[in-house]
């Protein structure tokens, strides 16, 4: 769970940095990235439990 939080935090901080530099605060890409991270984490957890 710690690594999931760190991955989401890293994505958020990177989004803030890029948005500040590019002056484009669109949240759609960030939302899709976070959903992808969470889905990947859930799938990985399920496959580890089956082994």
N, C-alpha and C. Protein backbone atom coordinates (compact mmCIF):
# COMPACT_ATOMS: atom_id res chain seq x y z
N UNK A 1 0.82 -1.18 0.00
CA UNK A 1 0.00 0.00 0.00
C UNK A 1 0.88 1.26 0.00
N UNK A 2 2.04 1.14 0.64
CA UNK A 2 2.96 2.27 0.69
C UNK A 2 3.43 2.64 -0.72
N UNK A 3 3.70 1.63 -1.53
CA UNK A 3 4.20 1.89 -2.88
C UNK A 3 3.12 2.47 -3.78
N UNK A 4 1.88 2.09 -3.56
CA UNK A 4 0.77 2.68 -4.30
C UNK A 4 0.66 4.16 -3.99
N UNK A 5 0.74 4.51 -2.71
CA UNK A 5 0.69 5.91 -2.32
C UNK A 5 1.85 6.69 -2.91
N UNK A 6 3.06 6.13 -2.87
CA UNK A 6 4.22 6.82 -3.42
C UNK A 6 4.11 7.01 -4.93
N UNK A 7 3.56 6.02 -5.63
CA UNK A 7 3.39 6.14 -7.08
C UNK A 7 2.39 7.25 -7.41
N UNK A 8 1.28 7.31 -6.69
CA UNK A 8 0.29 8.35 -6.92
C UNK A 8 0.85 9.72 -6.55
N UNK A 9 1.59 9.80 -5.45
CA UNK A 9 2.20 11.06 -5.05
C UNK A 9 3.22 11.53 -6.08
N UNK A 10 4.01 10.60 -6.61
CA UNK A 10 4.98 10.95 -7.65
C UNK A 10 4.31 11.45 -8.91
N UNK A 11 3.22 10.82 -9.31
CA UNK A 11 2.48 11.26 -10.48
C UNK A 11 1.91 12.65 -10.27
N UNK A 12 1.39 12.90 -9.08
CA UNK A 12 0.81 14.20 -8.77
C UNK A 12 1.86 15.31 -8.76
N UNK A 13 3.00 15.04 -8.14
CA UNK A 13 4.07 16.04 -8.10
C UNK A 13 4.62 16.31 -9.49
N UNK A 14 4.78 15.27 -10.29
CA UNK A 14 5.24 15.45 -11.68
C UNK A 14 4.24 16.27 -12.48
N UNK A 15 2.95 16.01 -12.28
CA UNK A 15 1.91 16.77 -12.98
C UNK A 15 1.96 18.24 -12.59
N UNK A 16 2.16 18.50 -11.31
CA UNK A 16 2.26 19.90 -10.86
C UNK A 16 3.45 20.59 -11.52
N UNK A 17 4.60 19.91 -11.54
CA UNK A 17 5.79 20.49 -12.15
C UNK A 17 5.63 20.77 -13.62
N UNK A 18 5.13 19.79 -14.35
CA UNK A 18 4.93 19.97 -15.80
C UNK A 18 3.86 21.02 -16.08
N UNK A 19 2.81 21.03 -15.29
CA UNK A 19 1.75 22.01 -15.50
C UNK A 19 2.24 23.42 -15.24
N UNK A 20 3.08 23.58 -14.26
CA UNK A 20 3.63 24.90 -13.95
C UNK A 20 4.53 25.38 -15.09
N UNK A 21 5.35 24.48 -15.63
CA UNK A 21 6.26 24.85 -16.71
C UNK A 21 5.50 25.13 -18.00
N UNK A 22 4.54 24.25 -18.34
CA UNK A 22 3.82 24.37 -19.60
C UNK A 22 2.60 25.29 -19.52
N UNK A 23 2.22 25.71 -18.33
CA UNK A 23 1.04 26.56 -18.10
C UNK A 23 -0.25 25.91 -18.63
N UNK A 24 -0.33 24.59 -18.46
CA UNK A 24 -1.51 23.83 -18.90
C UNK A 24 -1.95 22.96 -17.72
N UNK A 25 -3.04 23.32 -17.07
CA UNK A 25 -3.48 22.64 -15.85
C UNK A 25 -4.60 21.64 -16.12
N UNK A 26 -4.55 20.96 -17.25
CA UNK A 26 -5.56 19.96 -17.60
C UNK A 26 -5.40 18.73 -16.70
N UNK A 27 -6.47 18.31 -16.07
CA UNK A 27 -6.41 17.20 -15.10
C UNK A 27 -6.78 15.85 -15.70
N UNK A 28 -7.17 15.81 -16.95
CA UNK A 28 -7.62 14.56 -17.55
C UNK A 28 -6.50 13.52 -17.59
N UNK A 29 -5.32 13.92 -18.00
CA UNK A 29 -4.21 12.98 -18.06
C UNK A 29 -3.82 12.46 -16.69
N UNK A 30 -3.84 13.33 -15.69
CA UNK A 30 -3.52 12.91 -14.33
C UNK A 30 -4.54 11.90 -13.82
N UNK A 31 -5.80 12.15 -14.07
CA UNK A 31 -6.85 11.24 -13.63
C UNK A 31 -6.70 9.87 -14.26
N UNK A 32 -6.44 9.82 -15.55
CA UNK A 32 -6.27 8.55 -16.24
C UNK A 32 -5.04 7.81 -15.72
N UNK A 33 -3.96 8.53 -15.47
CA UNK A 33 -2.75 7.92 -14.94
C UNK A 33 -2.98 7.31 -13.56
N UNK A 34 -3.66 8.03 -12.69
CA UNK A 34 -3.92 7.52 -11.34
C UNK A 34 -4.84 6.31 -11.38
N UNK A 35 -5.85 6.33 -12.23
CA UNK A 35 -6.74 5.17 -12.38
C UNK A 35 -5.95 3.97 -12.88
N UNK A 36 -5.04 4.19 -13.83
CA UNK A 36 -4.20 3.11 -14.34
C UNK A 36 -3.29 2.53 -13.28
N UNK A 37 -2.72 3.39 -12.44
CA UNK A 37 -1.86 2.92 -11.35
C UNK A 37 -2.65 2.06 -10.37
N UNK A 38 -3.84 2.50 -10.01
CA UNK A 38 -4.67 1.76 -9.06
C UNK A 38 -5.11 0.42 -9.64
N UNK A 39 -5.54 0.40 -10.89
CA UNK A 39 -5.96 -0.85 -11.52
C UNK A 39 -4.79 -1.83 -11.62
N UNK A 40 -3.61 -1.32 -12.00
CA UNK A 40 -2.43 -2.18 -12.05
C UNK A 40 -2.07 -2.75 -10.70
N UNK A 41 -2.20 -1.96 -9.66
CA UNK A 41 -1.92 -2.42 -8.30
C UNK A 41 -2.90 -3.52 -7.89
N UNK A 42 -4.18 -3.33 -8.20
CA UNK A 42 -5.20 -4.32 -7.84
C UNK A 42 -4.95 -5.64 -8.57
N UNK A 43 -4.65 -5.57 -9.86
CA UNK A 43 -4.40 -6.78 -10.63
C UNK A 43 -3.17 -7.51 -10.11
N UNK A 44 -2.12 -6.76 -9.80
CA UNK A 44 -0.90 -7.38 -9.27
C UNK A 44 -1.18 -8.06 -7.94
N UNK A 45 -1.96 -7.43 -7.07
CA UNK A 45 -2.29 -8.00 -5.78
C UNK A 45 -3.07 -9.30 -5.93
N UNK A 46 -4.01 -9.33 -6.90
CA UNK A 46 -4.82 -10.52 -7.12
C UNK A 46 -3.98 -11.68 -7.64
N UNK A 47 -3.04 -11.39 -8.53
CA UNK A 47 -2.21 -12.48 -9.07
C UNK A 47 -1.22 -12.99 -8.02
N UNK A 48 -0.76 -12.14 -7.11
CA UNK A 48 0.12 -12.59 -6.04
C UNK A 48 -0.63 -13.49 -5.06
N UNK A 49 -1.89 -13.20 -4.82
CA UNK A 49 -2.68 -14.01 -3.90
C UNK A 49 -2.95 -15.40 -4.46
N UNK A 50 -3.03 -15.52 -5.78
CA UNK A 50 -3.31 -16.81 -6.40
C UNK A 50 -2.10 -17.73 -6.40
N UNK A 51 -0.90 -17.14 -6.33
CA UNK A 51 0.32 -17.96 -6.37
C UNK A 51 0.58 -18.57 -5.05
